[in-house]
Amino acid sequence: MARLGLIVVVWAGFAMSAYAHFLFVRICPPAESGRVAEVYFSEYASAGDPRFIDKVAGAKFWLQTTPGEFRPLPLRKLSDRLRAHVPVDGSLMVAGRLDYGVLNRPSGMFLLRHYSKAVAGDAEQVNRLAPKNTPLEIVATFEKDAVLLTALLDGKPLPKATISTVDSDLAGEELTTDDQGRATFKPDHPGLFCVYTSHVNPTSGEHQGKNYDEIREFATLSFSWPLTPSGADPEAVSMFEEALASRAAWHDFPGFSADIAGEVEGRPFAGSVTVAADGGVELDIDEDPFAEWVQDQLESITMHRAADQTPSPDDPKPVVRFADEAVDHPLGRLLEFEGGHFATSYRVRDKQITSVNRVLDGQNMTITVLDNTENAEGKFLPRSYTVQYWDEQTGQPVRSETVQDRWTRVGNWDLPAEHTVTTASADGFSVRSFRLAKHQLAGNKAD
């Protein structure tokens, strides 16, 4: 496998320096805020070069989820890349174009153009998606153990074209298309792959007030292999199960009662609460408008402490795998959960779940753990975390909540002592909080 030399070859054919950047688009796995496509001007579709971000900010991209139907895809400029919101579910293609500009090199004046594309989803559905019909394009047909790549020039097969492949280690190979513009690529390991080709159009012209003698065009395509992963990764399963087992749980829980008092947006309330051995909550407070919110919060707290949330050896193994190759993310490895009813992905670090990503009621929701505390058994209890919501269709932020929990030890159990939720949204800023006191375990005197 050749390494960085791959990139040198294409440019050397144009008598240019070995320094080369291409326009890549990558469809990322579902994670925080939902799912995004990111556009990079770099050597590979993983991180961009901030020196050129202003030059590539004018790129135009389109999204295809239904064969033949493209709609404009709005892009946001970040420090080193462009980013767009895309659907979490389904198969899709993101395709775009960048007229980079006229460059002056010893070999002459030329217009540099990039055509970039990425696909993701079910192989049969992706194979039915239509080409973007850019002047230069690579079309992929996904088979069981190979990818059939077709180079198109003005919609027609481009024979004897060189297609270069590159993986996340910048290793790859060069393929040559046949008389039908086709070449077969057989990835030998899973991961993100990029392929690209080039063409010189001898047409001269003018662009933004500058004359050029020819057009140098590059087409890229990125995809994950396999396109639709299946099955579990034993290391990911072990990491996830270890994090679940590290959470504090109420084993042999007898239930408890307590006084409760709090304040919702400036209005106080007080009363009592009883939590049954099975986690059921009975609430009696003097402000009915707040009862539903308090009840929901208490039921969530008790549900997460329930002992049946802890996996046992007899439980079926979760189907979990690593969603990407990033091993040094500050929040930990991204884990994709297959068949999960509540979450699409998690992050785990230091035996703790640090992030939970869900699609719920038309919104993408992300829970990010800020701080945990250890109990007497060395198990983790949540201390503070955020819950953020984005519109599933537009990707626009909806609201953000910060939650703080405090606990008190009663007998062998860690019981809720204080719960505060601050919310920021278009409606403004609000604070809701309650405190529990005089906890009494069922069958015991007050502690």
Protein backbone atom coordinates (compact mmCIF):
# COMPACT_ATOMS: atom_id res chain seq x y z
CA MET A 1 0.00 0.00 0.00
CA ALA A 2 1.35 3.40 -0.95
CA ARG A 3 0.92 6.18 1.57
CA LEU A 4 1.05 9.94 1.03
CA GLY A 5 2.57 9.28 -2.39
CA LEU A 6 -0.97 8.69 -3.66
CA ILE A 7 -1.70 12.37 -3.41
CA VAL A 8 1.58 13.35 -5.01
CA VAL A 9 0.88 11.27 -8.14
CA VAL A 10 -2.23 13.10 -9.28
CA TRP A 11 -0.71 16.53 -8.84
CA ALA A 12 2.62 15.54 -10.33
CA GLY A 13 0.76 14.77 -13.54
CA PHE A 14 -0.07 18.49 -13.68
CA ALA A 15 3.55 19.49 -13.00
CA MET A 16 2.53 20.91 -9.62
CA SER A 17 4.01 20.64 -6.15
CA ALA A 18 3.48 17.54 -4.04
CA TYR A 19 1.36 19.65 -1.64
CA ALA A 20 -2.23 18.87 -2.49
CA HIS A 21 -5.69 19.39 -1.04
CA PHE A 22 -8.98 18.00 -2.27
CA LEU A 23 -12.58 18.84 -1.47
CA PHE A 24 -14.09 15.99 0.53
CA VAL A 25 -17.53 15.61 2.06
CA ARG A 26 -18.15 13.06 4.79
CA ILE A 27 -21.48 11.86 6.17
CA CYS A 28 -20.80 11.36 9.87
CA PRO A 29 -22.51 8.73 12.05
CA PRO A 30 -25.42 9.85 14.25
CA ALA A 31 -23.98 11.59 17.30
CA GLU A 32 -24.47 14.77 19.30
CA SER A 33 -27.21 17.02 17.79
CA GLY A 34 -28.22 14.30 15.33
CA ARG A 35 -26.30 13.68 12.12
CA VAL A 36 -24.19 16.00 10.03
CA ALA A 37 -22.28 16.07 6.77
CA GLU A 38 -18.94 17.85 6.94
CA VAL A 39 -16.98 19.36 4.04
CA TYR A 40 -13.19 19.49 4.27
CA PHE A 41 -10.51 20.96 2.04
CA SER A 42 -7.67 18.67 2.95
CA GLU A 43 -5.76 15.51 2.10
CA TYR A 44 -8.49 13.33 3.57
CA ALA A 45 -12.10 13.48 4.72
CA SER A 46 -11.46 13.79 8.46
CA ALA A 47 -10.27 17.33 9.17
CA GLY A 48 -9.96 20.48 7.12
CA ASP A 49 -7.25 23.09 6.72
CA PRO A 50 -8.34 26.35 8.40
CA ARG A 51 -6.12 28.38 6.07
CA PHE A 52 -8.49 27.70 3.18
CA ILE A 53 -11.87 27.77 4.89
CA ASP A 54 -12.81 31.16 3.42
CA LYS A 55 -11.98 29.91 -0.08
CA VAL A 56 -14.21 26.84 0.23
CA ALA A 57 -17.07 28.59 2.03
CA GLY A 58 -18.61 29.34 -1.38
CA ALA A 59 -19.09 25.65 -2.21
CA LYS A 60 -22.64 24.59 -3.12
CA PHE A 61 -24.03 21.28 -1.93
CA TRP A 62 -27.20 19.27 -2.43
CA LEU A 63 -28.90 16.43 -0.55
CA GLN A 64 -30.58 13.42 -2.18
CA THR A 65 -32.74 11.06 -0.14
CA THR A 66 -35.22 10.11 -2.88
CA PRO A 67 -33.70 8.90 -6.17
CA GLY A 68 -33.32 11.80 -8.58
CA GLU A 69 -34.53 14.49 -6.15
CA PHE A 70 -31.84 16.92 -5.06
CA ARG A 71 -32.47 19.82 -2.71
CA PRO A 72 -30.00 22.55 -1.69
CA LEU A 73 -28.12 21.76 1.50
CA PRO A 74 -27.31 24.85 3.60
CA LEU A 75 -23.75 24.87 4.96
CA ARG A 76 -22.36 26.58 8.05
CA LYS A 77 -18.73 27.72 8.13
CA LEU A 78 -16.73 26.51 11.13
CA SER A 79 -13.05 27.04 11.91
CA ASP A 80 -11.76 24.35 9.52
CA ARG A 81 -14.80 22.84 7.80
CA LEU A 82 -18.31 23.37 6.54
CA ARG A 83 -21.14 21.56 8.27
CA ALA A 84 -24.72 20.69 7.30
CA HIS A 85 -27.56 18.91 9.11
CA VAL A 86 -28.76 15.69 7.41
CA PRO A 87 -31.40 13.09 8.37
CA VAL A 88 -30.45 10.58 11.06
CA ASP A 89 -32.26 7.70 9.34
CA GLY A 90 -32.42 6.47 5.77
CA SER A 91 -30.06 6.39 2.83
CA LEU A 92 -28.67 9.57 1.38
CA MET A 93 -26.20 11.26 -0.90
CA VAL A 94 -24.53 14.62 -0.37
CA ALA A 95 -22.94 16.15 -3.48
CA GLY A 96 -21.40 19.50 -4.21
CA ARG A 97 -19.22 21.70 -6.36
CA LEU A 98 -16.55 24.31 -5.76
CA ASP A 99 -15.05 26.66 -8.33
CA TYR A 100 -11.88 27.27 -6.36
CA GLY A 101 -10.53 29.95 -8.67
CA VAL A 102 -7.84 30.67 -11.24
CA LEU A 103 -4.30 29.70 -10.22
CA ASN A 104 -1.05 30.78 -11.80
CA ARG A 105 1.63 28.10 -11.93
CA PRO A 106 4.76 27.63 -14.07
CA SER A 107 2.70 25.32 -16.26
CA GLY A 108 0.20 28.09 -16.98
CA MET A 109 -3.05 29.66 -15.79
CA PHE A 110 -5.85 27.24 -14.98
CA LEU A 111 -9.25 27.17 -13.32
CA LEU A 112 -9.43 24.69 -10.45
CA ARG A 113 -12.75 22.92 -9.88
CA HIS A 114 -13.75 20.31 -7.32
CA TYR A 115 -16.75 17.97 -7.34
CA SER A 116 -17.33 16.21 -4.05
CA LYS A 117 -19.76 13.47 -3.01
CA ALA A 118 -20.53 11.11 -0.12
CA VAL A 119 -23.09 8.34 0.35
CA ALA A 120 -24.43 6.47 3.37
CA GLY A 121 -27.20 4.00 4.18
CA ASP A 122 -28.51 0.69 2.88
CA ALA A 123 -26.52 -0.56 -0.11
CA GLU A 124 -29.54 -1.39 -2.28
CA GLN A 125 -31.08 2.02 -1.64
CA VAL A 126 -27.80 3.86 -2.19
CA ASN A 127 -27.33 2.04 -5.49
CA ARG A 128 -30.68 3.47 -6.64
CA LEU A 129 -29.70 7.07 -5.93
CA ALA A 130 -29.07 9.11 -9.07
CA PRO A 131 -25.75 10.64 -10.11
CA LYS A 132 -25.44 14.40 -9.58
CA ASN A 133 -24.41 14.84 -13.24
CA THR A 134 -21.47 17.11 -12.53
CA PRO A 135 -18.91 17.40 -15.35
CA LEU A 136 -16.66 14.88 -13.56
CA GLU A 137 -18.06 12.28 -11.19
CA ILE A 138 -17.38 8.92 -9.56
CA VAL A 139 -20.45 6.69 -9.22
CA ALA A 140 -20.31 3.78 -6.79
CA THR A 141 -22.30 0.55 -6.95
CA PHE A 142 -22.01 -1.40 -3.71
CA GLU A 143 -21.77 -5.17 -3.86
CA LYS A 144 -21.32 -7.76 -1.12
CA ASP A 145 -17.53 -7.68 -1.03
CA ALA A 146 -16.59 -4.91 -3.46
CA VAL A 147 -17.43 -1.47 -4.76
CA LEU A 148 -17.81 -0.97 -8.51
CA LEU A 149 -16.52 2.53 -9.30
CA THR A 150 -17.46 4.25 -12.55
CA ALA A 151 -15.77 7.45 -13.68
CA LEU A 152 -18.07 9.74 -15.69
CA LEU A 153 -17.08 12.74 -17.79
CA ASP A 154 -20.08 14.83 -18.86
CA GLY A 155 -22.26 11.86 -17.98
CA LYS A 156 -20.36 9.40 -20.17
CA PRO A 157 -17.92 6.65 -19.09
CA LEU A 158 -14.32 7.83 -18.83
CA PRO A 159 -11.97 5.01 -19.90
CA LYS A 160 -8.35 4.68 -18.75
CA ALA A 161 -8.93 7.09 -15.87
CA THR A 162 -6.88 6.74 -12.70
CA ILE A 163 -8.96 6.37 -9.53
CA SER A 164 -6.99 6.62 -6.29
CA THR A 165 -8.24 5.22 -2.99
CA VAL A 166 -7.18 6.26 0.50
CA ASP A 167 -8.14 5.07 3.98
CA SER A 168 -7.85 6.74 7.38
CA ASP A 169 -4.13 5.89 7.54
CA LEU A 170 -3.61 7.60 4.16
CA ALA A 171 -2.90 4.19 2.64
CA GLY A 172 -4.50 3.05 -0.58
CA GLU A 173 -4.06 1.99 -4.17
CA GLU A 174 -4.50 3.19 -7.72
CA LEU A 175 -7.09 1.70 -10.04
CA THR A 176 -7.45 2.17 -13.81
CA THR A 177 -10.89 2.20 -15.38
CA ASP A 178 -11.70 -0.09 -18.31
CA ASP A 179 -13.28 0.90 -21.62
CA GLN A 180 -16.61 1.38 -19.79
CA GLY A 181 -15.06 3.69 -17.22
CA ARG A 182 -15.29 1.03 -14.51
CA ALA A 183 -12.91 -0.25 -11.87
CA THR A 184 -13.48 -2.62 -8.96
CA PHE A 185 -12.34 -1.70 -5.47
CA LYS A 186 -12.22 -4.35 -2.75
CA PRO A 187 -11.64 -2.78 0.67
CA ASP A 188 -9.72 -5.20 2.87
CA HIS A 189 -10.78 -3.69 6.21
CA PRO A 190 -13.67 -1.65 7.63
CA GLY A 191 -13.46 2.11 7.93
CA LEU A 192 -13.86 5.36 6.06
CA PHE A 193 -12.60 5.38 2.47
CA CYS A 194 -12.16 8.19 -0.03
CA VAL A 195 -11.66 7.78 -3.76
CA TYR A 196 -10.81 10.48 -6.26
CA THR A 197 -9.96 11.07 -9.90
CA SER A 198 -8.95 14.00 -12.09
CA HIS A 199 -9.32 15.38 -15.59
CA VAL A 200 -7.89 18.27 -17.61
CA ASN A 201 -10.32 20.18 -19.80
CA PRO A 202 -8.32 22.17 -22.41
CA THR A 203 -11.05 24.83 -22.65
CA SER A 204 -9.86 28.39 -21.98
CA GLY A 205 -11.99 31.14 -20.52
CA GLU A 206 -12.40 33.77 -17.83
CA HIS A 207 -13.42 33.45 -14.17
CA GLN A 208 -13.92 36.38 -11.82
CA GLY A 209 -11.89 38.68 -14.01
CA LYS A 210 -9.00 36.26 -14.54
CA ASN A 211 -8.22 34.42 -17.78
CA TYR A 212 -7.27 30.75 -17.79
CA ASP A 213 -5.93 28.34 -20.40
CA GLU A 214 -7.52 25.13 -19.11
CA ILE A 215 -9.75 23.67 -16.39
CA ARG A 216 -8.34 21.15 -13.94
CA GLU A 217 -11.11 19.12 -12.35
CA PHE A 218 -11.12 16.74 -9.39
CA ALA A 219 -13.94 14.44 -8.27
CA THR A 220 -14.02 12.77 -4.85
CA LEU A 221 -16.31 10.23 -3.22
CA SER A 222 -16.31 9.09 0.42
CA PHE A 223 -18.14 6.24 2.14
CA SER A 224 -17.82 3.89 5.09
CA TRP A 225 -17.08 0.23 4.52
CA PRO A 226 -19.12 -1.79 4.93
CA LEU A 227 -21.83 0.64 3.95
CA THR A 228 -24.28 -0.95 6.39
CA PRO A 229 -22.39 -2.58 9.28
CA SER A 230 -24.04 -5.40 11.18
CA GLY A 231 -23.31 -7.40 14.28
CA ALA A 232 -21.58 -6.41 17.48
CA ASP A 233 -18.00 -5.48 18.22
CA PRO A 234 -16.94 -7.46 21.33
CA GLU A 235 -14.73 -4.63 22.57
CA ALA A 236 -17.55 -2.10 22.19
CA VAL A 237 -20.01 -4.44 23.92
CA SER A 238 -17.60 -4.90 26.81
CA MET A 239 -17.08 -1.15 27.12
CA PHE A 240 -20.83 -0.49 27.14
CA GLU A 241 -21.65 -3.26 29.63
CA GLU A 242 -18.87 -2.12 31.94
CA ALA A 243 -20.32 1.42 31.93
CA LEU A 244 -23.82 0.10 32.70
CA ALA A 245 -22.50 -2.03 35.56
CA SER A 246 -20.65 0.98 37.00
CA ARG A 247 -23.86 2.93 37.64
CA ALA A 248 -25.23 3.03 41.17
CA ALA A 249 -28.39 0.95 41.46
CA TRP A 250 -31.01 0.26 44.13
CA HIS A 251 -30.63 -3.45 44.88
CA ASP A 252 -33.21 -4.97 47.24
CA PHE A 253 -34.80 -1.53 47.43
CA PRO A 254 -37.58 -1.28 50.05
CA GLY A 255 -38.98 2.07 48.94
CA PHE A 256 -39.07 5.31 50.91
CA SER A 257 -41.12 8.36 51.77
CA ALA A 258 -39.96 11.97 52.22
CA ASP A 259 -41.07 15.55 52.53
CA ILE A 260 -40.71 17.54 49.32
CA ALA A 261 -40.51 21.29 48.76
CA GLY A 262 -39.45 23.32 45.76
CA GLU A 263 -39.95 26.22 43.45
CA VAL A 264 -41.00 26.35 39.81
CA GLU A 265 -40.29 29.63 38.04
CA GLY A 266 -40.63 31.64 41.24
CA ARG A 267 -43.65 29.82 42.68
CA PRO A 268 -43.06 27.61 45.75
CA PHE A 269 -44.74 24.30 46.53
CA ALA A 270 -44.52 21.70 49.29
CA GLY A 271 -45.88 18.28 50.13
CA SER A 272 -44.81 14.67 50.41
CA VAL A 273 -43.69 11.84 48.14
CA THR A 274 -43.70 8.05 48.47
CA VAL A 275 -41.56 5.84 46.24
CA ALA A 276 -42.56 2.17 46.21
CA ALA A 277 -40.17 -0.78 46.10
CA ASP A 278 -40.91 -1.17 42.38
CA GLY A 279 -40.08 2.51 41.73
CA GLY A 280 -43.66 3.75 41.51
CA VAL A 281 -44.10 7.36 42.65
CA GLU A 282 -47.02 8.79 44.62
CA LEU A 283 -46.93 12.57 44.95
CA ASP A 284 -48.99 14.90 47.13
CA ILE A 285 -48.20 18.62 46.75
CA ASP A 286 -50.16 21.84 47.20
CA GLU A 287 -49.64 23.20 43.66
CA ASP A 288 -51.39 21.01 41.07
CA PRO A 289 -49.93 22.86 38.04
CA PHE A 290 -46.47 21.61 39.04
CA ALA A 291 -47.45 18.06 39.91
CA GLU A 292 -46.97 16.60 36.43
CA TRP A 293 -43.45 17.99 36.05
CA VAL A 294 -42.38 16.90 39.54
CA GLN A 295 -43.89 13.44 39.00
CA ASP A 296 -42.06 13.02 35.67
CA GLN A 297 -38.75 14.06 37.19
CA LEU A 298 -39.07 11.72 40.16
CA GLU A 299 -40.11 8.79 37.94
CA SER A 300 -37.06 9.38 35.75
CA ILE A 301 -34.77 9.48 38.78
CA THR A 302 -36.16 6.24 40.23
CA MET A 303 -36.19 4.48 36.85
CA HIS A 304 -32.48 5.16 36.33
CA ARG A 305 -31.64 3.76 39.79
CA ALA A 306 -33.76 0.62 39.41
CA ALA A 307 -31.73 -2.56 39.82
CA ASP A 308 -33.26 -4.10 36.67
CA GLN A 309 -31.41 -1.45 34.64
CA THR A 310 -28.16 -3.24 35.51
CA PRO A 311 -27.28 -6.06 33.06
CA SER A 312 -27.06 -9.61 34.35
CA PRO A 313 -25.19 -12.57 32.83
CA ASP A 314 -28.51 -14.00 31.63
CA ASP A 315 -29.51 -10.89 29.67
CA PRO A 316 -29.04 -10.97 25.88
CA LYS A 317 -25.93 -9.14 24.79
CA PRO A 318 -26.55 -5.65 23.38
CA VAL A 319 -25.61 -5.21 19.72
CA VAL A 320 -23.11 -2.39 20.04
CA ARG A 321 -20.20 -1.40 17.82
CA PHE A 322 -17.83 1.51 17.41
CA ALA A 323 -19.45 4.13 15.20
CA ASP A 324 -16.19 5.65 14.00
CA GLU A 325 -12.43 5.34 14.33
CA ALA A 326 -11.88 8.33 16.64
CA VAL A 327 -10.25 7.02 19.82
CA ASP A 328 -9.29 10.33 21.45
CA HIS A 329 -12.58 12.25 21.56
CA PRO A 330 -12.81 14.23 24.84
CA LEU A 331 -16.11 12.52 25.68
CA GLY A 332 -14.91 9.02 24.75
CA ARG A 333 -15.59 6.46 22.04
CA LEU A 334 -18.78 6.79 20.02
CA LEU A 335 -20.84 3.58 20.21
CA GLU A 336 -23.63 2.76 17.78
CA PHE A 337 -26.53 0.85 19.31
CA GLU A 338 -28.38 -1.48 16.93
CA GLY A 339 -32.05 -1.98 17.61
CA GLY A 340 -32.17 0.44 20.54
CA HIS A 341 -35.62 1.85 21.27
CA PHE A 342 -34.35 4.98 23.01
CA ALA A 343 -30.85 5.84 21.83
CA THR A 344 -29.03 5.87 18.51
CA SER A 345 -25.55 6.25 19.97
CA TYR A 346 -23.58 6.63 23.20
CA ARG A 347 -20.16 7.77 24.27
CA VAL A 348 -18.21 5.96 26.98
CA ARG A 349 -15.10 7.08 28.83
CA ASP A 350 -13.50 5.80 32.04
CA LYS A 351 -16.30 3.26 32.62
CA GLN A 352 -18.93 6.01 32.43
CA ILE A 353 -21.56 6.85 29.85
CA THR A 354 -20.75 10.45 28.98
CA SER A 355 -23.20 11.09 26.15
CA VAL A 356 -26.57 9.69 25.05
CA ASN A 357 -28.06 10.61 21.66
CA ARG A 358 -31.73 10.06 20.85
CA VAL A 359 -34.43 10.99 18.36
CA LEU A 360 -37.55 11.82 20.33
CA ASP A 361 -40.81 13.45 19.23
CA GLY A 362 -39.34 15.12 16.16
CA GLN A 363 -36.23 16.33 17.94
CA ASN A 364 -32.64 15.18 18.20
CA MET A 365 -31.72 15.04 21.89
CA THR A 366 -28.27 14.79 23.44
CA ILE A 367 -27.56 14.17 27.11
CA THR A 368 -24.01 15.17 28.03
CA VAL A 369 -22.70 14.17 31.45
CA LEU A 370 -20.67 16.95 33.07
CA ASP A 371 -19.92 15.41 36.45
CA ASN A 372 -20.58 12.17 38.32
CA THR A 373 -20.00 11.32 41.96
CA GLU A 374 -18.99 7.98 43.45
CA ASN A 375 -21.01 6.34 46.20
CA ALA A 376 -19.82 4.12 49.04
CA GLU A 377 -19.55 1.12 46.69
CA GLY A 378 -17.53 3.04 44.12
CA LYS A 379 -20.48 3.21 41.73
CA PHE A 380 -21.38 6.38 39.81
CA LEU A 381 -24.30 8.73 40.47
CA PRO A 382 -25.12 11.68 38.20
CA ARG A 383 -24.25 15.07 39.67
CA SER A 384 -24.69 17.42 36.71
CA TYR A 385 -25.52 17.01 33.03
CA THR A 386 -27.02 18.89 30.11
CA VAL A 387 -29.94 17.92 27.88
CA GLN A 388 -30.00 19.69 24.51
CA TYR A 389 -32.62 19.54 21.76
CA TRP A 390 -32.45 20.27 18.03
CA ASP A 391 -35.25 20.22 15.47
CA GLU A 392 -35.00 16.90 13.62
CA GLN A 393 -35.83 18.43 10.22
CA THR A 394 -33.84 21.68 10.28
CA GLY A 395 -31.13 20.98 12.85
CA GLN A 396 -31.92 24.29 14.58
CA PRO A 397 -31.44 24.41 18.38
CA VAL A 398 -34.73 24.23 20.30
CA ARG A 399 -33.74 24.39 23.97
CA SER A 400 -31.03 23.48 26.44
CA GLU A 401 -31.41 22.17 29.98
CA THR A 402 -28.82 21.86 32.75
CA VAL A 403 -29.64 19.34 35.47
CA GLN A 404 -28.03 19.13 38.92
CA ASP A 405 -28.66 16.22 41.27
CA ARG A 406 -27.61 15.74 44.89
CA TRP A 407 -27.95 12.53 46.89
CA THR A 408 -28.17 11.40 50.50
CA ARG A 409 -27.18 8.02 51.90
CA VAL A 410 -29.95 6.27 53.83
CA GLY A 411 -29.16 2.72 54.87
CA ASN A 412 -27.67 0.98 51.81
CA TRP A 413 -29.25 3.26 49.26
CA ASP A 414 -28.45 6.64 47.71
CA LEU A 415 -31.70 8.59 47.64
CA PRO A 416 -32.46 11.86 45.82
CA ALA A 417 -31.95 14.94 47.98
CA GLU A 418 -32.10 17.81 45.49
CA HIS A 419 -32.94 18.20 41.81
CA THR A 420 -32.57 21.46 39.85
CA VAL A 421 -33.27 22.04 36.17
CA THR A 422 -32.41 25.30 34.40
CA THR A 423 -33.80 25.72 30.88
CA ALA A 424 -32.83 28.15 28.13
CA SER A 425 -35.09 28.46 25.08
CA ALA A 426 -36.86 30.99 22.89
CA ASP A 427 -39.21 31.50 25.84
CA GLY A 428 -36.32 32.73 27.99
CA PHE A 429 -34.61 31.27 31.05
CA SER A 430 -36.38 29.28 33.77
CA VAL A 431 -35.43 27.44 36.95
CA ARG A 432 -37.30 24.48 38.45
CA SER A 433 -36.10 22.78 41.59
CA PHE A 434 -37.17 20.56 44.48
CA ARG A 435 -35.60 19.20 47.66
CA LEU A 436 -36.39 16.04 49.59
CA ALA A 437 -35.94 15.79 53.36
CA LYS A 438 -36.77 13.51 56.27
CA HIS A 439 -36.30 10.39 54.15
CA GLN A 440 -37.81 7.28 55.72
CA LEU A 441 -37.22 3.82 54.34
CA ALA A 442 -40.33 1.68 54.14
CA GLY A 443 -40.76 -0.16 57.45
CA ASN A 444 -38.16 2.01 59.23
CA LYS A 445 -38.23 5.08 61.37
CA ALA A 446 -37.15 8.45 59.89
CA ASP A 447 -33.40 8.89 59.31
